[in-house]
Amino acid sequence: MFKRLLGVSLLFGMAATAPPALAASCGDREAMTEKLASGYSERLTAGGLQKGRTEATVIEVWASDETGTFTVLVTHANGISCVVATGSSFFHLPEKAPDTGTPS
């Protein structure tokens, strides 16, 4: 019984202290964006500032009209970017023309 309890405690303890899986997809922003541009023909298409509790980060959407791929990066103030999403079949929404109304 003691061995089982110890084993379960160790298992949950290791799981709780393990680094997140996304940490493996983080790196220097300049190197990551160069790879997105040269390897996937992606370019910065959208972005914005996200204010968190501890720090502000920049959310960037990189996409390619050629390949249809896209990547979402979160960039921290220290210059480290992390990939939070990737995918295919990227599309742009056309801008809606302003409604001119009905002439009176």
PDB file of N, CA and C in Angstrom:
ATOM      1  N   MET A   1       0.824  -1.188   0.000  1.00  0.00           N
ATOM      2  CA  MET A   1       0.000   0.000   0.000  1.00  0.00           C
ATOM      3  C   MET A   1       0.875   1.262   0.000  1.00  0.00           C
ATOM      4  N   PHE A   2       1.920   1.247   0.814  1.00  0.00           N
ATOM      5  CA  PHE A   2       2.807   2.388   0.897  1.00  0.00           C
ATOM      6  C   PHE A   2       3.503   2.639  -0.446  1.00  0.00           C
ATOM      7  N   LYS A   3       3.913   1.554  -1.129  1.00  0.00           N
ATOM      8  CA  LYS A   3       4.585   1.690  -2.419  1.00  0.00           C
ATOM      9  C   LYS A   3       3.650   2.313  -3.454  1.00  0.00           C
ATOM     10  N   ARG A   4       2.396   1.905  -3.451  1.00  0.00           N
ATOM     11  CA  ARG A   4       1.428   2.465  -4.404  1.00  0.00           C
ATOM     12  C   ARG A   4       1.202   3.948  -4.132  1.00  0.00           C
ATOM     13  N   LEU A   5       1.048   4.299  -2.879  1.00  0.00           N
ATOM     14  CA  LEU A   5       0.834   5.692  -2.507  1.00  0.00           C
ATOM     15  C   LEU A   5       2.037   6.546  -2.898  1.00  0.00           C
ATOM     16  N   LEU A   6       3.226   6.034  -2.646  1.00  0.00           N
ATOM     17  CA  LEU A   6       4.439   6.742  -3.010  1.00  0.00           C
ATOM     18  C   LEU A   6       4.539   6.891  -4.533  1.00  0.00           C
ATOM     19  N   GLY A   7       4.224   5.826  -5.263  1.00  0.00           N
ATOM     20  CA  GLY A   7       4.278   5.875  -6.724  1.00  0.00           C
ATOM     21  C   GLY A   7       3.303   6.884  -7.305  1.00  0.00           C
ATOM     22  N   VAL A   8       2.081   6.886  -6.793  1.00  0.00           N
ATOM     23  CA  VAL A   8       1.075   7.844  -7.273  1.00  0.00           C
ATOM     24  C   VAL A   8       1.494   9.267  -6.929  1.00  0.00           C
ATOM     25  N   SER A   9       2.034   9.469  -5.736  1.00  0.00           N
ATOM     26  CA  SER A   9       2.490  10.803  -5.330  1.00  0.00           C
ATOM     27  C   SER A   9       3.613  11.299  -6.239  1.00  0.00           C
ATOM     28  N   LEU A  10       4.548  10.436  -6.547  1.00  0.00           N
ATOM     29  CA  LEU A  10       5.642  10.825  -7.440  1.00  0.00           C
ATOM     30  C   LEU A  10       5.132  11.151  -8.837  1.00  0.00           C
ATOM     31  N   LEU A  11       4.204  10.345  -9.325  1.00  0.00           N
ATOM     32  CA  LEU A  11       3.655  10.567 -10.663  1.00  0.00           C
ATOM     33  C   LEU A  11       2.977  11.925 -10.756  1.00  0.00           C
ATOM     34  N   PHE A  12       2.095  12.223  -9.806  1.00  0.00           N
ATOM     35  CA  PHE A  12       1.400  13.505  -9.841  1.00  0.00           C
ATOM     36  C   PHE A  12       2.343  14.665  -9.545  1.00  0.00           C
ATOM     37  N   GLY A  13       3.320  14.452  -8.719  1.00  0.00           N
ATOM     38  CA  GLY A  13       4.303  15.489  -8.439  1.00  0.00           C
ATOM     39  C   GLY A  13       5.116  15.839  -9.657  1.00  0.00           C
ATOM     40  N   MET A  14       5.533  14.837 -10.432  1.00  0.00           N
ATOM     41  CA  MET A  14       6.304  15.087 -11.655  1.00  0.00           C
ATOM     42  C   MET A  14       5.429  15.766 -12.702  1.00  0.00           C
ATOM     43  N   ALA A  15       4.177  15.364 -12.810  1.00  0.00           N
ATOM     44  CA  ALA A  15       3.276  15.979 -13.789  1.00  0.00           C
ATOM     45  C   ALA A  15       3.027  17.444 -13.457  1.00  0.00           C
ATOM     46  N   ALA A  16       2.929  17.755 -12.173  1.00  0.00           N
ATOM     47  CA  ALA A  16       2.657  19.129 -11.759  1.00  0.00           C
ATOM     48  C   ALA A  16       3.850  20.042 -11.988  1.00  0.00           C
ATOM     49  N   THR A  17       5.062  19.528 -11.916  1.00  0.00           N
ATOM     50  CA  THR A  17       6.249  20.365 -12.076  1.00  0.00           C
ATOM     51  C   THR A  17       6.828  20.327 -13.485  1.00  0.00           C
ATOM     52  N   ALA A  18       6.249  19.533 -14.376  1.00  0.00           N
ATOM     53  CA  ALA A  18       6.773  19.434 -15.743  1.00  0.00           C
ATOM     54  C   ALA A  18       6.535  20.739 -16.487  1.00  0.00           C
ATOM     55  N   PRO A  19       7.455  21.140 -17.372  1.00  0.00           N
ATOM     56  CA  PRO A  19       7.247  22.355 -18.156  1.00  0.00           C
ATOM     57  C   PRO A  19       6.123  22.142 -19.156  1.00  0.00           C
ATOM     58  N   PRO A  20       5.423  23.209 -19.532  1.00  0.00           N
ATOM     59  CA  PRO A  20       4.349  23.056 -20.496  1.00  0.00           C
ATOM     60  C   PRO A  20       4.867  22.576 -21.843  1.00  0.00           C
ATOM     61  N   ALA A  21       4.018  21.897 -22.572  1.00  0.00           N
ATOM     62  CA  ALA A  21       4.408  21.342 -23.873  1.00  0.00           C
ATOM     63  C   ALA A  21       4.763  22.439 -24.863  1.00  0.00           C
ATOM     64  N   LEU A  22       4.129  23.610 -24.724  1.00  0.00           N
ATOM     65  CA  LEU A  22       4.402  24.691 -25.663  1.00  0.00           C
ATOM     66  C   LEU A  22       5.782  25.304 -25.477  1.00  0.00           C
ATOM     67  N   ALA A  23       6.420  25.070 -24.345  1.00  0.00           N
ATOM     68  CA  ALA A  23       7.741  25.641 -24.108  1.00  0.00           C
ATOM     69  C   ALA A  23       8.746  25.175 -25.159  1.00  0.00           C
ATOM     70  N   ALA A  24       8.525  24.009 -25.727  1.00  0.00           N
ATOM     71  CA  ALA A  24       9.420  23.494 -26.760  1.00  0.00           C
ATOM     72  C   ALA A  24       9.292  24.291 -28.057  1.00  0.00           C
ATOM     73  N   SER A  25       8.195  25.030 -28.227  1.00  0.00           N
ATOM     74  CA  SER A  25       8.000  25.785 -29.453  1.00  0.00           C
ATOM     75  C   SER A  25       8.251  27.278 -29.248  1.00  0.00           C
ATOM     76  N   CYS A  26       9.152  27.610 -28.334  1.00  0.00           N
ATOM     77  CA  CYS A  26       9.522  29.002 -28.071  1.00  0.00           C
ATOM     78  C   CYS A  26      10.968  29.237 -28.500  1.00  0.00           C
ATOM     79  N   GLY A  27      11.256  30.462 -28.861  1.00  0.00           N
ATOM     80  CA  GLY A  27      12.620  30.797 -29.244  1.00  0.00           C
ATOM     81  C   GLY A  27      12.750  32.280 -29.529  1.00  0.00           C
ATOM     82  N   ASP A  28      13.910  32.678 -29.991  1.00  0.00           N
ATOM     83  CA  ASP A  28      14.193  34.061 -30.334  1.00  0.00           C
ATOM     84  C   ASP A  28      13.266  34.511 -31.457  1.00  0.00           C
ATOM     85  N   ARG A  29      12.610  35.655 -31.273  1.00  0.00           N
ATOM     86  CA  ARG A  29      11.618  36.116 -32.247  1.00  0.00           C
ATOM     87  C   ARG A  29      12.217  36.283 -33.643  1.00  0.00           C
ATOM     88  N   GLU A  30      13.388  36.889 -33.711  1.00  0.00           N
ATOM     89  CA  GLU A  30      13.997  37.132 -35.013  1.00  0.00           C
ATOM     90  C   GLU A  30      14.247  35.832 -35.774  1.00  0.00           C
ATOM     91  N   ALA A  31      14.745  34.822 -35.088  1.00  0.00           N
ATOM     92  CA  ALA A  31      14.994  33.524 -35.728  1.00  0.00           C
ATOM     93  C   ALA A  31      13.688  32.853 -36.148  1.00  0.00           C
ATOM     94  N   MET A  32      12.673  32.958 -35.305  1.00  0.00           N
ATOM     95  CA  MET A  32      11.395  32.322 -35.636  1.00  0.00           C
ATOM     96  C   MET A  32      10.717  33.001 -36.821  1.00  0.00           C
ATOM     97  N   THR A  33      10.731  34.333 -36.842  1.00  0.00           N
ATOM     98  CA  THR A  33      10.070  35.028 -37.941  1.00  0.00           C
ATOM     99  C   THR A  33      10.826  34.833 -39.256  1.00  0.00           C
ATOM    100  N   GLU A  34      12.155  34.713 -39.184  1.00  0.00           N
ATOM    101  CA  GLU A  34      12.936  34.417 -40.387  1.00  0.00           C
ATOM    102  C   GLU A  34      12.551  33.051 -40.945  1.00  0.00           C
ATOM    103  N   LYS A  35      12.356  32.078 -40.074  1.00  0.00           N
ATOM    104  CA  LYS A  35      11.954  30.732 -40.492  1.00  0.00           C
ATOM    105  C   LYS A  35      10.557  30.756 -41.105  1.00  0.00           C
ATOM    106  N   LEU A  36       9.645  31.533 -40.512  1.00  0.00           N
ATOM    107  CA  LEU A  36       8.290  31.634 -41.063  1.00  0.00           C
ATOM    108  C   LEU A  36       8.320  32.265 -42.454  1.00  0.00           C
ATOM    109  N   ALA A  37       9.167  33.284 -42.634  1.00  0.00           N
ATOM    110  CA  ALA A  37       9.255  33.968 -43.924  1.00  0.00           C
ATOM    111  C   ALA A  37       9.930  33.103 -44.977  1.00  0.00           C
ATOM    112  N   SER A  38      11.058  32.512 -44.635  1.00  0.00           N
ATOM    113  CA  SER A  38      11.810  31.752 -45.639  1.00  0.00           C
ATOM    114  C   SER A  38      11.285  30.334 -45.831  1.00  0.00           C
ATOM    115  N   GLY A  39      10.862  29.694 -44.784  1.00  0.00           N
ATOM    116  CA  GLY A  39      10.423  28.304 -44.890  1.00  0.00           C
ATOM    117  C   GLY A  39       8.971  28.105 -45.289  1.00  0.00           C
ATOM    118  N   TYR A  40       8.115  29.086 -44.925  1.00  0.00           N
ATOM    119  CA  TYR A  40       6.684  28.915 -45.167  1.00  0.00           C
ATOM    120  C   TYR A  40       6.080  30.053 -45.984  1.00  0.00           C
ATOM    121  N   SER A  41       6.891  31.014 -46.421  1.00  0.00           N
ATOM    122  CA  SER A  41       6.432  32.186 -47.175  1.00  0.00           C
ATOM    123  C   SER A  41       5.373  32.974 -46.422  1.00  0.00           C
ATOM    124  N   GLU A  42       5.453  32.955 -45.098  1.00  0.00           N
ATOM    125  CA  GLU A  42       4.478  33.684 -44.298  1.00  0.00           C
ATOM    126  C   GLU A  42       4.992  35.089 -44.013  1.00  0.00           C
ATOM    127  N   ARG A  43       4.049  36.005 -43.857  1.00  0.00           N
ATOM    128  CA  ARG A  43       4.377  37.382 -43.503  1.00  0.00           C
ATOM    129  C   ARG A  43       3.420  37.836 -42.409  1.00  0.00           C
ATOM    130  N   LEU A  44       3.815  38.851 -41.692  1.00  0.00           N
ATOM    131  CA  LEU A  44       2.979  39.374 -40.611  1.00  0.00           C
ATOM    132  C   LEU A  44       1.731  40.006 -41.221  1.00  0.00           C
ATOM    133  N   THR A  45       0.564  39.493 -40.857  1.00  0.00           N
ATOM    134  CA  THR A  45      -0.681  39.999 -41.429  1.00  0.00           C
ATOM    135  C   THR A  45      -1.573  40.699 -40.415  1.00  0.00           C
ATOM    136  N   ALA A  46      -1.404  40.401 -39.131  1.00  0.00           N
ATOM    137  CA  ALA A  46      -2.218  41.037 -38.095  1.00  0.00           C
ATOM    138  C   ALA A  46      -1.512  40.911 -36.763  1.00  0.00           C
ATOM    139  N   GLY A  47      -1.889  41.749 -35.842  1.00  0.00           N
ATOM    140  CA  GLY A  47      -1.291  41.671 -34.516  1.00  0.00           C
ATOM    141  C   GLY A  47      -1.966  42.620 -33.557  1.00  0.00           C
ATOM    142  N   GLY A  48      -1.617  42.485 -32.295  1.00  0.00           N
ATOM    143  CA  GLY A  48      -2.181  43.359 -31.280  1.00  0.00           C
ATOM    144  C   GLY A  48      -1.496  43.142 -29.948  1.00  0.00           C
ATOM    145  N   LEU A  49      -1.717  44.067 -29.037  1.00  0.00           N
ATOM    146  CA  LEU A  49      -1.129  44.014 -27.714  1.00  0.00           C
ATOM    147  C   LEU A  49      -2.110  43.349 -26.759  1.00  0.00           C
ATOM    148  N   GLN A  50      -1.619  42.385 -26.002  1.00  0.00           N
ATOM    149  CA  GLN A  50      -2.439  41.681 -25.013  1.00  0.00           C
ATOM    150  C   GLN A  50      -1.878  41.999 -23.634  1.00  0.00           C
ATOM    151  N   LYS A  51      -2.687  42.610 -22.793  1.00  0.00           N
ATOM    152  CA  LYS A  51      -2.226  42.960 -21.445  1.00  0.00           C
ATOM    153  C   LYS A  51      -2.607  41.845 -20.501  1.00  0.00           C
ATOM    154  N   GLY A  52      -1.611  41.212 -19.916  1.00  0.00           N
ATOM    155  CA  GLY A  52      -1.837  40.155 -18.943  1.00  0.00           C
ATOM    156  C   GLY A  52      -1.673  40.680 -17.529  1.00  0.00           C
ATOM    157  N   ARG A  53      -1.760  39.790 -16.558  1.00  0.00           N
ATOM    158  CA  ARG A  53      -1.603  40.201 -15.159  1.00  0.00           C
ATOM    159  C   ARG A  53      -0.174  40.625 -14.857  1.00  0.00           C
ATOM    160  N   THR A  54       0.785  39.873 -15.406  1.00  0.00           N
ATOM    161  CA  THR A  54       2.176  40.149 -15.072  1.00  0.00           C
ATOM    162  C   THR A  54       2.910  40.942 -16.139  1.00  0.00           C
ATOM    163  N   GLU A  55       2.542  40.768 -17.400  1.00  0.00           N
ATOM    164  CA  GLU A  55       3.239  41.474 -18.473  1.00  0.00           C
ATOM    165  C   GLU A  55       2.350  41.599 -19.693  1.00  0.00           C
ATOM    166  N   ALA A  56       2.713  42.524 -20.553  1.00  0.00           N
ATOM    167  CA  ALA A  56       2.020  42.665 -21.826  1.00  0.00           C
ATOM    168  C   ALA A  56       2.759  41.838 -22.871  1.00  0.00           C
ATOM    169  N   THR A  57       2.027  41.212 -23.749  1.00  0.00           N
ATOM    170  CA  THR A  57       2.613  40.444 -24.840  1.00  0.00           C
ATOM    171  C   THR A  57       2.001  40.910 -26.152  1.00  0.00           C
ATOM    172  N   VAL A  58       2.686  40.598 -27.231  1.00  0.00           N
ATOM    173  CA  VAL A  58       2.190  40.934 -28.559  1.00  0.00           C
ATOM    174  C   VAL A  58       1.707  39.643 -29.223  1.00  0.00           C
ATOM    175  N   ILE A  59       0.492  39.665 -29.712  1.00  0.00           N
ATOM    176  CA  ILE A  59      -0.060  38.542 -30.467  1.00  0.00           C
ATOM    177  C   ILE A  59       0.152  38.861 -31.945  1.00  0.00           C
ATOM    178  N   GLU A  60       0.776  37.940 -32.673  1.00  0.00           N
ATOM    179  CA  GLU A  60       1.058  38.144 -34.093  1.00  0.00           C
ATOM    180  C   GLU A  60       0.477  37.001 -34.902  1.00  0.00           C
ATOM    181  N   VAL A  61      -0.151  37.346 -36.015  1.00  0.00           N
ATOM    182  CA  VAL A  61      -0.644  36.340 -36.951  1.00  0.00           C
ATOM    183  C   VAL A  61       0.195  36.452 -38.215  1.00  0.00           C
ATOM    184  N   TRP A  62       0.917  35.374 -38.517  1.00  0.00           N
ATOM    185  CA  TRP A  62       1.724  35.286 -39.729  1.00  0.00           C
ATOM    186  C   TRP A  62       0.983  34.354 -40.684  1.00  0.00           C
ATOM    187  N   ALA A  63       0.862  34.754 -41.958  1.00  0.00           N
ATOM    188  CA  ALA A  63       0.115  33.928 -42.904  1.00  0.00           C
ATOM    189  C   ALA A  63       0.709  34.056 -44.300  1.00  0.00           C
ATOM    190  N   SER A  64       0.393  33.062 -45.128  1.00  0.00           N
ATOM    191  CA  SER A  64       0.866  33.040 -46.509  1.00  0.00           C
ATOM    192  C   SER A  64      -0.308  32.859 -47.454  1.00  0.00           C
ATOM    193  N   ASP A  65      -0.437  33.783 -48.409  1.00  0.00           N
ATOM    194  CA  ASP A  65      -1.456  33.629 -49.450  1.00  0.00           C
ATOM    195  C   ASP A  65      -1.052  32.527 -50.427  1.00  0.00           C
ATOM    196  N   GLU A  66       0.269  32.306 -50.576  1.00  0.00           N
ATOM    197  CA  GLU A  66       0.771  31.270 -51.491  1.00  0.00           C
ATOM    198  C   GLU A  66       0.429  29.865 -51.008  1.00  0.00           C
ATOM    199  N   THR A  67       0.779  29.589 -49.762  1.00  0.00           N
ATOM    200  CA  THR A  67       0.638  28.228 -49.239  1.00  0.00           C
ATOM    201  C   THR A  67      -0.641  28.014 -48.439  1.00  0.00           C
ATOM    202  N   GLY A  68      -1.267  29.109 -47.972  1.00  0.00           N
ATOM    203  CA  GLY A  68      -2.474  28.994 -47.164  1.00  0.00           C
ATOM    204  C   GLY A  68      -2.203  28.651 -45.707  1.00  0.00           C
ATOM    205  N   THR A  69      -0.925  28.629 -45.300  1.00  0.00           N
ATOM    206  CA  THR A  69      -0.595  28.306 -43.911  1.00  0.00           C
ATOM    207  C   THR A  69      -0.632  29.568 -43.058  1.00  0.00           C
ATOM    208  N   PHE A  70      -0.797  29.371 -41.744  1.00  0.00           N
ATOM    209  CA  PHE A  70      -0.726  30.486 -40.817  1.00  0.00           C
ATOM    210  C   PHE A  70      -0.120  30.024 -39.500  1.00  0.00           C
ATOM    211  N   THR A  71       0.447  30.975 -38.770  1.00  0.00           N
ATOM    212  CA  THR A  71       1.054  30.729 -37.470  1.00  0.00           C
ATOM    213  C   THR A  71       0.685  31.879 -36.551  1.00  0.00           C
ATOM    214  N   VAL A  72       0.304  31.564 -35.316  1.00  0.00           N
ATOM    215  CA  VAL A  72       0.012  32.586 -34.312  1.00  0.00           C
ATOM    216  C   VAL A  72       1.139  32.541 -33.280  1.00  0.00           C
ATOM    217  N   LEU A  73       1.787  33.688 -33.102  1.00  0.00           N
ATOM    218  CA  LEU A  73       2.885  33.810 -32.146  1.00  0.00           C
ATOM    219  C   LEU A  73       2.483  34.718 -30.985  1.00  0.00           C
ATOM    220  N   VAL A  74       2.987  34.415 -29.809  1.00  0.00           N
ATOM    221  CA  VAL A  74       2.911  35.319 -28.670  1.00  0.00           C
ATOM    222  C   VAL A  74       4.348  35.742 -28.393  1.00  0.00           C
ATOM    223  N   THR A  75       4.600  37.047 -28.456  1.00  0.00           N
ATOM    224  CA  THR A  75       5.946  37.561 -28.256  1.00  0.00           C
ATOM    225  C   THR A  75       6.008  38.328 -26.947  1.00  0.00           C
ATOM    226  N   HIS A  76       6.979  37.980 -26.120  1.00  0.00           N
ATOM    227  CA  HIS A  76       7.177  38.605 -24.818  1.00  0.00           C
ATOM    228  C   HIS A  76       8.168  39.757 -24.940  1.00  0.00           C
ATOM    229  N   ALA A  77       8.209  40.614 -23.932  1.00  0.00           N
ATOM    230  CA  ALA A  77       9.084  41.792 -23.943  1.00  0.00           C
ATOM    231  C   ALA A  77      10.561  41.427 -24.018  1.00  0.00           C
ATOM    232  N   ASN A  78      10.921  40.222 -23.581  1.00  0.00           N
ATOM    233  CA  ASN A  78      12.326  39.814 -23.610  1.00  0.00           C
ATOM    234  C   ASN A  78      12.769  39.301 -24.984  1.00  0.00           C
ATOM    235  N   GLY A  79      11.887  39.359 -25.993  1.00  0.00           N
ATOM    236  CA  GLY A  79      12.248  38.946 -27.343  1.00  0.00           C
ATOM    237  C   GLY A  79      12.006  37.482 -27.638  1.00  0.00           C
ATOM    238  N   ILE A  80      11.408  36.769 -26.698  1.00  0.00           N
ATOM    239  CA  ILE A  80      11.090  35.351 -26.910  1.00  0.00           C
ATOM    240  C   ILE A  80       9.681  35.237 -27.450  1.00  0.00           C
ATOM    241  N   SER A  81       9.535  34.478 -28.531  1.00  0.00           N
ATOM    242  CA  SER A  81       8.228  34.221 -29.128  1.00  0.00           C
ATOM    243  C   SER A  81       7.874  32.753 -28.958  1.00  0.00           C
ATOM    244  N   CYS A  82       6.594  32.494 -28.772  1.00  0.00           N
ATOM    245  CA  CYS A  82       6.098  31.127 -28.647  1.00  0.00           C
ATOM    246  C   CYS A  82       4.984  30.902 -29.656  1.00  0.00           C
ATOM    247  N   VAL A  83       5.025  29.763 -30.332  1.00  0.00           N
ATOM    248  CA  VAL A  83       3.978  29.386 -31.273  1.00  0.00           C
ATOM    249  C   VAL A  83       2.805  28.856 -30.460  1.00  0.00           C
ATOM    250  N   VAL A  84       1.630  29.457 -30.642  1.00  0.00           N
ATOM    251  CA  VAL A  84       0.453  28.991 -29.922  1.00  0.00           C
ATOM    252  C   VAL A  84      -0.552  28.305 -30.840  1.00  0.00           C
ATOM    253  N   ALA A  85      -0.420  28.512 -32.147  1.00  0.00           N
ATOM    254  CA  ALA A  85      -1.322  27.840 -33.089  1.00  0.00           C
ATOM    255  C   ALA A  85      -0.710  27.866 -34.482  1.00  0.00           C
ATOM    256  N   THR A  86      -0.966  26.820 -35.241  1.00  0.00           N
ATOM    257  CA  THR A  86      -0.590  26.759 -36.658  1.00  0.00           C
ATOM    258  C   THR A  86      -1.735  26.104 -37.406  1.00  0.00           C
ATOM    259  N   GLY A  87      -1.782  26.322 -38.693  1.00  0.00           N
ATOM    260  CA  GLY A  87      -2.852  25.686 -39.458  1.00  0.00           C
ATOM    261  C   GLY A  87      -2.721  25.940 -40.938  1.00  0.00           C
ATOM    262  N   SER A  88      -3.756  25.554 -41.660  1.00  0.00           N
ATOM    263  CA  SER A  88      -3.783  25.708 -43.111  1.00  0.00           C
ATOM    264  C   SER A  88      -5.126  26.299 -43.523  1.00  0.00           C
ATOM    265  N   SER A  89      -5.264  26.530 -44.805  1.00  0.00           N
ATOM    266  CA  SER A  89      -6.490  27.095 -45.387  1.00  0.00           C
ATOM    267  C   SER A  89      -6.801  28.484 -44.824  1.00  0.00           C
ATOM    268  N   PHE A  90      -5.764  29.300 -44.644  1.00  0.00           N
ATOM    269  CA  PHE A  90      -5.958  30.659 -44.152  1.00  0.00           C
ATOM    270  C   PHE A  90      -6.701  31.472 -45.194  1.00  0.00           C
ATOM    271  N   PHE A  91      -7.592  32.352 -44.737  1.00  0.00           N
ATOM    272  CA  PHE A  91      -8.326  33.218 -45.656  1.00  0.00           C
ATOM    273  C   PHE A  91      -8.462  34.605 -45.043  1.00  0.00           C
ATOM    274  N   HIS A  92      -8.614  35.587 -45.905  1.00  0.00           N
ATOM    275  CA  HIS A  92      -8.853  36.970 -45.497  1.00  0.00           C
ATOM    276  C   HIS A  92     -10.328  37.267 -45.696  1.00  0.00           C
ATOM    277  N   LEU A  93     -10.910  38.008 -44.783  1.00  0.00           N
ATOM    278  CA  LEU A  93     -12.282  38.458 -44.970  1.00  0.00           C
ATOM    279  C   LEU A  93     -12.248  39.761 -45.753  1.00  0.00           C
ATOM    280  N   PRO A  94     -13.059  39.850 -46.799  1.00  0.00           N
ATOM    281  CA  PRO A  94     -13.063  41.093 -47.569  1.00  0.00           C
ATOM    282  C   PRO A  94     -13.663  42.223 -46.729  1.00  0.00           C
ATOM    283  N   GLU A  95     -13.128  43.426 -46.931  1.00  0.00           N
ATOM    284  CA  GLU A  95     -13.682  44.572 -46.219  1.00  0.00           C
ATOM    285  C   GLU A  95     -15.054  44.883 -46.774  1.00  0.00           C
ATOM    286  N   LYS A  96     -15.974  45.118 -45.858  1.00  0.00           N
ATOM    287  CA  LYS A  96     -17.332  45.448 -46.268  1.00  0.00           C
ATOM    288  C   LYS A  96     -17.370  46.918 -46.660  1.00  0.00           C
ATOM    289  N   ALA A  97     -17.950  47.199 -47.813  1.00  0.00           N
ATOM    290  CA  ALA A  97     -18.073  48.581 -48.263  1.00  0.00           C
ATOM    291  C   ALA A  97     -19.039  49.321 -47.352  1.00  0.00           C
ATOM    292  N   PRO A  98     -18.764  50.580 -47.060  1.00  0.00           N
ATOM    293  CA  PRO A  98     -19.681  51.322 -46.193  1.00  0.00           C
ATOM    294  C   PRO A  98     -21.049  51.468 -46.849  1.00  0.00           C
ATOM    295  N   ASP A  99     -22.070  51.370 -46.003  1.00  0.00           N
ATOM    296  CA  ASP A  99     -23.448  51.506 -46.493  1.00  0.00           C
ATOM    297  C   ASP A  99     -23.716  52.973 -46.752  1.00  0.00           C
ATOM    298  N   THR A 100     -24.027  53.297 -47.984  1.00  0.00           N
ATOM    299  CA  THR A 100     -24.276  54.718 -48.328  1.00  0.00           C
ATOM    300  C   THR A 100     -25.671  55.146 -47.964  1.00  0.00           C
ATOM    301  N   GLY A 101     -26.528  54.225 -47.635  1.00  0.00           N
ATOM    302  CA  GLY A 101     -27.902  54.580 -47.268  1.00  0.00           C
ATOM    303  C   GLY A 101     -28.770  54.792 -48.498  1.00  0.00           C
ATOM    304  N   THR A 102     -29.989  55.137 -48.244  1.00  0.00           N
ATOM    305  CA  THR A 102     -30.943  55.382 -49.332  1.00  0.00           C
ATOM    306  C   THR A 102     -31.104  56.883 -49.525  1.00  0.00           C
ATOM    307  N   PRO A 103     -30.918  57.342 -50.759  1.00  0.00           N
ATOM    308  CA  PRO A 103     -31.073  58.790 -50.978  1.00  0.00           C
ATOM    309  C   PRO A 103     -32.510  59.217 -50.691  1.00  0.00           C
ATOM    310  N   SER A 104     -32.676  60.418 -50.134  1.00  0.00           N
ATOM    311  CA  SER A 104     -34.039  60.888 -49.850  1.00  0.00           C
ATOM    312  C   SER A 104     -34.527  61.848 -50.879  1.00  0.00           C
TER     313      SER A 104
END
